[in-house]
Structure formats: structure tokens, C-alpha cells
Amino acid sequence: MHSHFTSQRYRSGRIGEADDKTGERVCAYITVKDPQTDVNIMSYCREHLTAYKVPKRVVFVKVLPKSTVGKILRRELRAQVNN
């Protein structure tokens, strides 16, 4: 998922969120330069990822928290989501 989104000018971070049914679900946070629907992203993920890696929810954000070397800071992303 990351290589496709990077090549298409996307950045994404995935974190686990609480889910009543399964305990945890995958949620993708994506920055986009060109508007895309989450349906297109979900269909791409279903086609190229195994079922358990497909995000259950897609959220578009303006900026993802990054470290000085460019890694997505999942802990800060999770904190932003919970606030």
C-alpha cells in the first residue's frame, strides 16, 4: 500500500483502532494532493493486499506527524485521533 501511495503522491499511516467485534481494526490516514474517493483506495487495497491488511476505514488528513527523518509517528497520530 505504501509504495503505491508514495508513487502517486500520497502519504499514509496506518494504526489500529478499537473495534467492538474484533478487538482492533486497521484504519488508514492518508494525505492526498489530488482528491480521491476512499472507494478507489479501498478497491486498490482489496486487490493488492491480503484481507487482514485491508483498512476498514480511510480518513483523509492534511498532514501526518513525522519525525525528523520522515517516519510517520504513529503514537502522535493515535493521540491526535483520540483527542
PDB file of N, CA and C in Angstrom:
ATOM      1  N   MET A   1       0.826  -1.181   0.000  1.00  0.00           N
ATOM      2  CA  MET A   1       0.000   0.000   0.000  1.00  0.00           C
ATOM      3  C   MET A   1       0.869   1.243   0.000  1.00  0.00           C
ATOM      4  N   HIS A   2       1.899   1.235   0.799  1.00  0.00           N
ATOM      5  CA  HIS A   2       2.734   2.429   0.916  1.00  0.00           C
ATOM      6  C   HIS A   2       3.429   2.756  -0.398  1.00  0.00           C
ATOM      7  N   SER A   3       3.967   1.761  -1.117  1.00  0.00           N
ATOM      8  CA  SER A   3       4.700   2.063  -2.343  1.00  0.00           C
ATOM      9  C   SER A   3       3.783   2.658  -3.411  1.00  0.00           C
ATOM     10  N   HIS A   4       2.545   2.175  -3.502  1.00  0.00           N
ATOM     11  CA  HIS A   4       1.606   2.740  -4.471  1.00  0.00           C
ATOM     12  C   HIS A   4       1.271   4.179  -4.116  1.00  0.00           C
ATOM     13  N   PHE A   5       0.954   4.434  -2.860  1.00  0.00           N
ATOM     14  CA  PHE A   5       0.576   5.774  -2.457  1.00  0.00           C
ATOM     15  C   PHE A   5       1.745   6.733  -2.569  1.00  0.00           C
ATOM     16  N   THR A   6       2.946   6.289  -2.291  1.00  0.00           N
ATOM     17  CA  THR A   6       4.114   7.152  -2.422  1.00  0.00           C
ATOM     18  C   THR A   6       4.331   7.517  -3.883  1.00  0.00           C
ATOM     19  N   SER A   7       4.211   6.540  -4.768  1.00  0.00           N
ATOM     20  CA  SER A   7       4.447   6.817  -6.179  1.00  0.00           C
ATOM     21  C   SER A   7       3.357   7.709  -6.766  1.00  0.00           C
ATOM     22  N   GLN A   8       2.175   7.708  -6.175  1.00  0.00           N
ATOM     23  CA  GLN A   8       1.074   8.531  -6.660  1.00  0.00           C
ATOM     24  C   GLN A   8       0.942   9.834  -5.881  1.00  0.00           C
ATOM     25  N   ARG A   9       1.973  10.251  -5.151  1.00  0.00           N
ATOM     26  CA  ARG A   9       1.993  11.478  -4.359  1.00  0.00           C
ATOM     27  C   ARG A   9       1.037  11.417  -3.161  1.00  0.00           C
ATOM     28  N   TYR A  10       0.974  10.264  -2.534  1.00  0.00           N
ATOM     29  CA  TYR A  10       0.203  10.072  -1.310  1.00  0.00           C
ATOM     30  C   TYR A  10       1.161   9.748  -0.186  1.00  0.00           C
ATOM     31  N   ARG A  11       0.753  10.026   1.013  1.00  0.00           N
ATOM     32  CA  ARG A  11       1.450   9.560   2.208  1.00  0.00           C
ATOM     33  C   ARG A  11       0.385   8.917   3.078  1.00  0.00           C
ATOM     34  N   SER A  12       0.737   7.813   3.690  1.00  0.00           N
ATOM     35  CA  SER A  12      -0.261   7.137   4.518  1.00  0.00           C
ATOM     36  C   SER A  12       0.360   6.596   5.791  1.00  0.00           C
ATOM     37  N   GLY A  13      -0.450   6.575   6.810  1.00  0.00           N
ATOM     38  CA  GLY A  13      -0.088   5.956   8.077  1.00  0.00           C
ATOM     39  C   GLY A  13      -1.246   5.081   8.504  1.00  0.00           C
ATOM     40  N   ARG A  14      -0.952   3.905   9.002  1.00  0.00           N
ATOM     41  CA  ARG A  14      -1.994   3.002   9.439  1.00  0.00           C
ATOM     42  C   ARG A  14      -1.827   2.714  10.913  1.00  0.00           C
ATOM     43  N   ILE A  15      -2.949   2.761  11.626  1.00  0.00           N
ATOM     44  CA  ILE A  15      -2.920   2.440  13.046  1.00  0.00           C
ATOM     45  C   ILE A  15      -4.110   1.542  13.362  1.00  0.00           C
ATOM     46  N   GLY A  16      -3.999   0.833  14.462  1.00  0.00           N
ATOM     47  CA  GLY A  16      -5.108   0.017  14.927  1.00  0.00           C
ATOM     48  C   GLY A  16      -6.041   0.850  15.776  1.00  0.00           C
ATOM     49  N   GLU A  17      -7.334   0.652  15.580  1.00  0.00           N
ATOM     50  CA  GLU A  17      -8.346   1.327  16.377  1.00  0.00           C
ATOM     51  C   GLU A  17      -9.201   0.284  17.071  1.00  0.00           C
ATOM     52  N   ALA A  18      -9.750   0.650  18.193  1.00  0.00           N
ATOM     53  CA  ALA A  18     -10.607  -0.276  18.938  1.00  0.00           C
ATOM     54  C   ALA A  18     -11.841  -0.633  18.109  1.00  0.00           C
ATOM     55  N   ASP A  19     -12.216  -1.909  18.179  1.00  0.00           N
ATOM     56  CA  ASP A  19     -13.389  -2.397  17.475  1.00  0.00           C
ATOM     57  C   ASP A  19     -14.135  -3.352  18.398  1.00  0.00           C
ATOM     58  N   ASP A  20     -15.431  -3.152  18.542  1.00  0.00           N
ATOM     59  CA  ASP A  20     -16.217  -3.986  19.448  1.00  0.00           C
ATOM     60  C   ASP A  20     -16.268  -5.444  19.007  1.00  0.00           C
ATOM     61  N   LYS A  21     -16.310  -5.675  17.713  1.00  0.00           N
ATOM     62  CA  LYS A  21     -16.473  -7.034  17.198  1.00  0.00           C
ATOM     63  C   LYS A  21     -15.170  -7.830  17.210  1.00  0.00           C
ATOM     64  N   THR A  22     -14.088  -7.232  16.690  1.00  0.00           N
ATOM     65  CA  THR A  22     -12.837  -7.975  16.546  1.00  0.00           C
ATOM     66  C   THR A  22     -11.744  -7.555  17.527  1.00  0.00           C
ATOM     67  N   GLY A  23     -11.985  -6.512  18.294  1.00  0.00           N
ATOM     68  CA  GLY A  23     -10.976  -6.032  19.234  1.00  0.00           C
ATOM     69  C   GLY A  23     -10.162  -4.881  18.675  1.00  0.00           C
ATOM     70  N   GLU A  24      -9.746  -5.007  17.403  1.00  0.00           N
ATOM     71  CA  GLU A  24      -8.974  -3.948  16.769  1.00  0.00           C
ATOM     72  C   GLU A  24      -9.173  -4.021  15.269  1.00  0.00           C
ATOM     73  N   ARG A  25      -9.191  -2.855  14.618  1.00  0.00           N
ATOM     74  CA  ARG A  25      -9.328  -2.797  13.175  1.00  0.00           C
ATOM     75  C   ARG A  25      -8.290  -1.846  12.606  1.00  0.00           C
ATOM     76  N   VAL A  26      -7.943  -2.029  11.347  1.00  0.00           N
ATOM     77  CA  VAL A  26      -6.955  -1.184  10.682  1.00  0.00           C
ATOM     78  C   VAL A  26      -7.648   0.053  10.138  1.00  0.00           C
ATOM     79  N   CYS A  27      -7.063   1.204  10.417  1.00  0.00           N
ATOM     80  CA  CYS A  27      -7.548   2.463   9.883  1.00  0.00           C
ATOM     81  C   CYS A  27      -6.377   3.166   9.195  1.00  0.00           C
ATOM     82  N   ALA A  28      -6.594   3.599   7.958  1.00  0.00           N
ATOM     83  CA  ALA A  28      -5.549   4.281   7.191  1.00  0.00           C
ATOM     84  C   ALA A  28      -5.809   5.779   7.197  1.00  0.00           C
ATOM     85  N   TYR A  29      -4.780   6.539   7.509  1.00  0.00           N
ATOM     86  CA  TYR A  29      -4.833   8.000   7.450  1.00  0.00           C
ATOM     87  C   TYR A  29      -3.971   8.405   6.266  1.00  0.00           C
ATOM     88  N   ILE A  30      -4.567   9.127   5.326  1.00  0.00           N
ATOM     89  CA  ILE A  30      -3.906   9.389   4.052  1.00  0.00           C
ATOM     90  C   ILE A  30      -3.919  10.883   3.755  1.00  0.00           C
ATOM     91  N   THR A  31      -2.766  11.395   3.327  1.00  0.00           N
ATOM     92  CA  THR A  31      -2.703  12.758   2.804  1.00  0.00           C
ATOM     93  C   THR A  31      -2.727  12.643   1.285  1.00  0.00           C
ATOM     94  N   VAL A  32      -3.465  13.515   0.650  1.00  0.00           N
ATOM     95  CA  VAL A  32      -3.573  13.459  -0.806  1.00  0.00           C
ATOM     96  C   VAL A  32      -3.368  14.855  -1.390  1.00  0.00           C
ATOM     97  N   LYS A  33      -2.766  14.888  -2.559  1.00  0.00           N
ATOM     98  CA  LYS A  33      -2.638  16.151  -3.285  1.00  0.00           C
ATOM     99  C   LYS A  33      -3.771  16.270  -4.299  1.00  0.00           C
ATOM    100  N   ASP A  34      -4.186  15.138  -4.845  1.00  0.00           N
ATOM    101  CA  ASP A  34      -5.321  15.113  -5.764  1.00  0.00           C
ATOM    102  C   ASP A  34      -6.461  14.377  -5.059  1.00  0.00           C
ATOM    103  N   PRO A  35      -7.654  14.962  -5.017  1.00  0.00           N
ATOM    104  CA  PRO A  35      -8.764  14.305  -4.320  1.00  0.00           C
ATOM    105  C   PRO A  35      -9.069  12.928  -4.909  1.00  0.00           C
ATOM    106  N   GLN A  36      -9.240  11.965  -4.057  1.00  0.00           N
ATOM    107  CA  GLN A  36      -9.595  10.595  -4.426  1.00  0.00           C
ATOM    108  C   GLN A  36     -10.703  10.148  -3.502  1.00  0.00           C
ATOM    109  N   THR A  37     -11.536   9.269  -3.961  1.00  0.00           N
ATOM    110  CA  THR A  37     -12.545   8.723  -3.068  1.00  0.00           C
ATOM    111  C   THR A  37     -11.960   7.544  -2.312  1.00  0.00           C
ATOM    112  N   ASP A  38     -12.462   7.319  -1.116  1.00  0.00           N
ATOM    113  CA  ASP A  38     -11.977   6.181  -0.346  1.00  0.00           C
ATOM    114  C   ASP A  38     -12.373   4.867  -0.996  1.00  0.00           C
ATOM    115  N   VAL A  39     -13.385   4.877  -1.867  1.00  0.00           N
ATOM    116  CA  VAL A  39     -13.782   3.660  -2.577  1.00  0.00           C
ATOM    117  C   VAL A  39     -12.658   3.208  -3.498  1.00  0.00           C
ATOM    118  N   ASN A  40     -12.027   4.156  -4.207  1.00  0.00           N
ATOM    119  CA  ASN A  40     -10.916   3.799  -5.096  1.00  0.00           C
ATOM    120  C   ASN A  40      -9.748   3.238  -4.298  1.00  0.00           C
ATOM    121  N   ILE A  41      -9.465   3.835  -3.171  1.00  0.00           N
ATOM    122  CA  ILE A  41      -8.365   3.368  -2.341  1.00  0.00           C
ATOM    123  C   ILE A  41      -8.682   1.991  -1.772  1.00  0.00           C
ATOM    124  N   MET A  42      -9.927   1.815  -1.308  1.00  0.00           N
ATOM    125  CA  MET A  42     -10.323   0.517  -0.755  1.00  0.00           C
ATOM    126  C   MET A  42     -10.263  -0.569  -1.826  1.00  0.00           C
ATOM    127  N   SER A  43     -10.710  -0.273  -3.030  1.00  0.00           N
ATOM    128  CA  SER A  43     -10.664  -1.291  -4.089  1.00  0.00           C
ATOM    129  C   SER A  43      -9.227  -1.634  -4.447  1.00  0.00           C
ATOM    130  N   TYR A  44      -8.342  -0.642  -4.457  1.00  0.00           N
ATOM    131  CA  TYR A  44      -6.928  -0.929  -4.702  1.00  0.00           C
ATOM    132  C   TYR A  44      -6.360  -1.831  -3.609  1.00  0.00           C
ATOM    133  N   CYS A  45      -6.682  -1.518  -2.366  1.00  0.00           N
ATOM    134  CA  CYS A  45      -6.178  -2.309  -1.241  1.00  0.00           C
ATOM    135  C   CYS A  45      -6.699  -3.743  -1.300  1.00  0.00           C
ATOM    136  N   ARG A  46      -7.972  -3.904  -1.608  1.00  0.00           N
ATOM    137  CA  ARG A  46      -8.542  -5.261  -1.701  1.00  0.00           C
ATOM    138  C   ARG A  46      -7.872  -6.076  -2.793  1.00  0.00           C
ATOM    139  N   GLU A  47      -7.484  -5.404  -3.868  1.00  0.00           N
ATOM    140  CA  GLU A  47      -6.858  -6.089  -4.988  1.00  0.00           C
ATOM    141  C   GLU A  47      -5.408  -6.473  -4.697  1.00  0.00           C
ATOM    142  N   HIS A  48      -4.678  -5.642  -3.936  1.00  0.00           N
ATOM    143  CA  HIS A  48      -3.244  -5.842  -3.772  1.00  0.00           C
ATOM    144  C   HIS A  48      -2.788  -6.302  -2.385  1.00  0.00           C
ATOM    145  N   LEU A  49      -3.687  -6.310  -1.401  1.00  0.00           N
ATOM    146  CA  LEU A  49      -3.300  -6.703  -0.045  1.00  0.00           C
ATOM    147  C   LEU A  49      -4.076  -7.936   0.396  1.00  0.00           C
ATOM    148  N   THR A  50      -3.516  -8.650   1.353  1.00  0.00           N
ATOM    149  CA  THR A  50      -4.268  -9.750   1.945  1.00  0.00           C
ATOM    150  C   THR A  50      -5.409  -9.164   2.767  1.00  0.00           C
ATOM    151  N   ALA A  51      -6.443  -9.942   2.982  1.00  0.00           N
ATOM    152  CA  ALA A  51      -7.692  -9.447   3.571  1.00  0.00           C
ATOM    153  C   ALA A  51      -7.486  -8.776   4.929  1.00  0.00           C
ATOM    154  N   TYR A  52      -6.639  -9.336   5.779  1.00  0.00           N
ATOM    155  CA  TYR A  52      -6.488  -8.760   7.122  1.00  0.00           C
ATOM    156  C   TYR A  52      -5.708  -7.445   7.119  1.00  0.00           C
ATOM    157  N   LYS A  53      -5.035  -7.106   6.032  1.00  0.00           N
ATOM    158  CA  LYS A  53      -4.296  -5.850   5.949  1.00  0.00           C
ATOM    159  C   LYS A  53      -5.102  -4.713   5.323  1.00  0.00           C
ATOM    160  N   VAL A  54      -6.250  -5.024   4.748  1.00  0.00           N
ATOM    161  CA  VAL A  54      -7.091  -4.003   4.126  1.00  0.00           C
ATOM    162  C   VAL A  54      -7.696  -3.133   5.220  1.00  0.00           C
ATOM    163  N   PRO A  55      -7.522  -1.812   5.127  1.00  0.00           N
ATOM    164  CA  PRO A  55      -8.084  -0.940   6.165  1.00  0.00           C
ATOM    165  C   PRO A  55      -9.611  -1.005   6.165  1.00  0.00           C
ATOM    166  N   LYS A  56     -10.170  -0.970   7.350  1.00  0.00           N
ATOM    167  CA  LYS A  56     -11.628  -0.964   7.486  1.00  0.00           C
ATOM    168  C   LYS A  56     -12.183   0.449   7.361  1.00  0.00           C
ATOM    169  N   ARG A  57     -11.303   1.426   7.554  1.00  0.00           N
ATOM    170  CA  ARG A  57     -11.716   2.825   7.476  1.00  0.00           C
ATOM    171  C   ARG A  57     -10.571   3.622   6.874  1.00  0.00           C
ATOM    172  N   VAL A  58     -10.918   4.603   6.046  1.00  0.00           N
ATOM    173  CA  VAL A  58      -9.934   5.501   5.437  1.00  0.00           C
ATOM    174  C   VAL A  58     -10.303   6.923   5.828  1.00  0.00           C
ATOM    175  N   VAL A  59      -9.312   7.665   6.331  1.00  0.00           N
ATOM    176  CA  VAL A  59      -9.514   9.051   6.734  1.00  0.00           C
ATOM    177  C   VAL A  59      -8.499   9.911   5.988  1.00  0.00           C
ATOM    178  N   PHE A  60      -8.976  10.973   5.358  1.00  0.00           N
ATOM    179  CA  PHE A  60      -8.084  11.901   4.665  1.00  0.00           C
ATOM    180  C   PHE A  60      -7.701  13.019   5.618  1.00  0.00           C
ATOM    181  N   VAL A  61      -6.407  13.274   5.720  1.00  0.00           N
ATOM    182  CA  VAL A  61      -5.892  14.322   6.603  1.00  0.00           C
ATOM    183  C   VAL A  61      -4.983  15.246   5.806  1.00  0.00           C
ATOM    184  N   LYS A  62      -4.780  16.452   6.328  1.00  0.00           N
ATOM    185  CA  LYS A  62      -3.905  17.405   5.643  1.00  0.00           C
ATOM    186  C   LYS A  62      -2.436  17.093   5.875  1.00  0.00           C
ATOM    187  N   VAL A  63      -2.097  16.709   7.120  1.00  0.00           N
ATOM    188  CA  VAL A  63      -0.698  16.469   7.487  1.00  0.00           C
ATOM    189  C   VAL A  63      -0.619  15.261   8.412  1.00  0.00           C
ATOM    190  N   LEU A  64       0.396  14.438   8.197  1.00  0.00           N
ATOM    191  CA  LEU A  64       0.688  13.331   9.107  1.00  0.00           C
ATOM    192  C   LEU A  64       1.880  13.722   9.975  1.00  0.00           C
ATOM    193  N   PRO A  65       1.853  13.390  11.253  1.00  0.00           N
ATOM    194  CA  PRO A  65       3.003  13.713  12.105  1.00  0.00           C
ATOM    195  C   PRO A  65       4.213  12.870  11.701  1.00  0.00           C
ATOM    196  N   LYS A  66       5.362  13.542  11.523  1.00  0.00           N
ATOM    197  CA  LYS A  66       6.579  12.851  11.083  1.00  0.00           C
ATOM    198  C   LYS A  66       7.745  13.196  11.991  1.00  0.00           C
ATOM    199  N   SER A  67       8.702  12.274  12.046  1.00  0.00           N
ATOM    200  CA  SER A  67       9.937  12.521  12.783  1.00  0.00           C
ATOM    201  C   SER A  67      10.870  13.346  11.899  1.00  0.00           C
ATOM    202  N   THR A  68      12.027  13.678  12.428  1.00  0.00           N
ATOM    203  CA  THR A  68      12.990  14.473  11.654  1.00  0.00           C
ATOM    204  C   THR A  68      13.543  13.709  10.452  1.00  0.00           C
ATOM    205  N   VAL A  69      13.464  12.383  10.478  1.00  0.00           N
ATOM    206  CA  VAL A  69      13.944  11.592   9.346  1.00  0.00           C
ATOM    207  C   VAL A  69      12.812  11.181   8.400  1.00  0.00           C
ATOM    208  N   GLY A  70      11.583  11.657   8.676  1.00  0.00           N
ATOM    209  CA  GLY A  70      10.480  11.424   7.767  1.00  0.00           C
ATOM    210  C   GLY A  70       9.580  10.238   8.071  1.00  0.00           C
ATOM    211  N   LYS A  71       9.819   9.562   9.191  1.00  0.00           N
ATOM    212  CA  LYS A  71       8.954   8.432   9.544  1.00  0.00           C
ATOM    213  C   LYS A  71       7.646   8.947  10.140  1.00  0.00           C
ATOM    214  N   ILE A  72       6.553   8.229   9.848  1.00  0.00           N
ATOM    215  CA  ILE A  72       5.257   8.578  10.422  1.00  0.00           C
ATOM    216  C   ILE A  72       5.284   8.243  11.910  1.00  0.00           C
ATOM    217  N   LEU A  73       4.903   9.200  12.739  1.00  0.00           N
ATOM    218  CA  LEU A  73       4.855   8.996  14.188  1.00  0.00           C
ATOM    219  C   LEU A  73       3.477   8.480  14.574  1.00  0.00           C
ATOM    220  N   ARG A  74       3.353   7.153  14.616  1.00  0.00           N
ATOM    221  CA  ARG A  74       2.056   6.534  14.876  1.00  0.00           C
ATOM    222  C   ARG A  74       1.513   6.885  16.258  1.00  0.00           C
ATOM    223  N   ARG A  75       2.389   7.019  17.222  1.00  0.00           N
ATOM    224  CA  ARG A  75       1.948   7.357  18.578  1.00  0.00           C
ATOM    225  C   ARG A  75       1.270   8.732  18.588  1.00  0.00           C
ATOM    226  N   GLU A  76       1.861   9.703  17.888  1.00  0.00           N
ATOM    227  CA  GLU A  76       1.265  11.032  17.805  1.00  0.00           C
ATOM    228  C   GLU A  76      -0.017  11.016  16.967  1.00  0.00           C
ATOM    229  N   LEU A  77      -0.040  10.227  15.913  1.00  0.00           N
ATOM    230  CA  LEU A  77      -1.236  10.082  15.105  1.00  0.00           C
ATOM    231  C   LEU A  77      -2.371   9.523  15.938  1.00  0.00           C
ATOM    232  N   ARG A  78      -2.077   8.507  16.724  1.00  0.00           N
ATOM    233  CA  ARG A  78      -3.085   7.904  17.609  1.00  0.00           C
ATOM    234  C   ARG A  78      -3.575   8.924  18.641  1.00  0.00           C
ATOM    235  N   ALA A  79      -2.658   9.748  19.168  1.00  0.00           N
ATOM    236  CA  ALA A  79      -3.039  10.776  20.137  1.00  0.00           C
ATOM    237  C   ALA A  79      -3.938  11.828  19.498  1.00  0.00           C
ATOM    238  N   GLN A  80      -3.648  12.208  18.262  1.00  0.00           N
ATOM    239  CA  GLN A  80      -4.496  13.174  17.544  1.00  0.00           C
ATOM    240  C   GLN A  80      -5.890  12.616  17.319  1.00  0.00           C
ATOM    241  N   VAL A  81      -5.966  11.351  16.987  1.00  0.00           N
ATOM    242  CA  VAL A  81      -7.251  10.711  16.727  1.00  0.00           C
ATOM    243  C   VAL A  81      -8.077  10.622  17.992  1.00  0.00           C
ATOM    244  N   ASN A  82      -7.442  10.322  19.118  1.00  0.00           N
ATOM    245  CA  ASN A  82      -8.159  10.170  20.372  1.00  0.00           C
ATOM    246  C   ASN A  82      -8.603  11.492  20.966  1.00  0.00           C
ATOM    247  N   ASN A  83      -8.025  12.609  20.530  1.00  0.00           N
ATOM    248  CA  ASN A  83      -8.420  13.940  21.045  1.00  0.00           C
ATOM    249  C   ASN A  83      -9.562  14.525  20.289  1.00  0.00           C
TER     250      ASN A  83
END
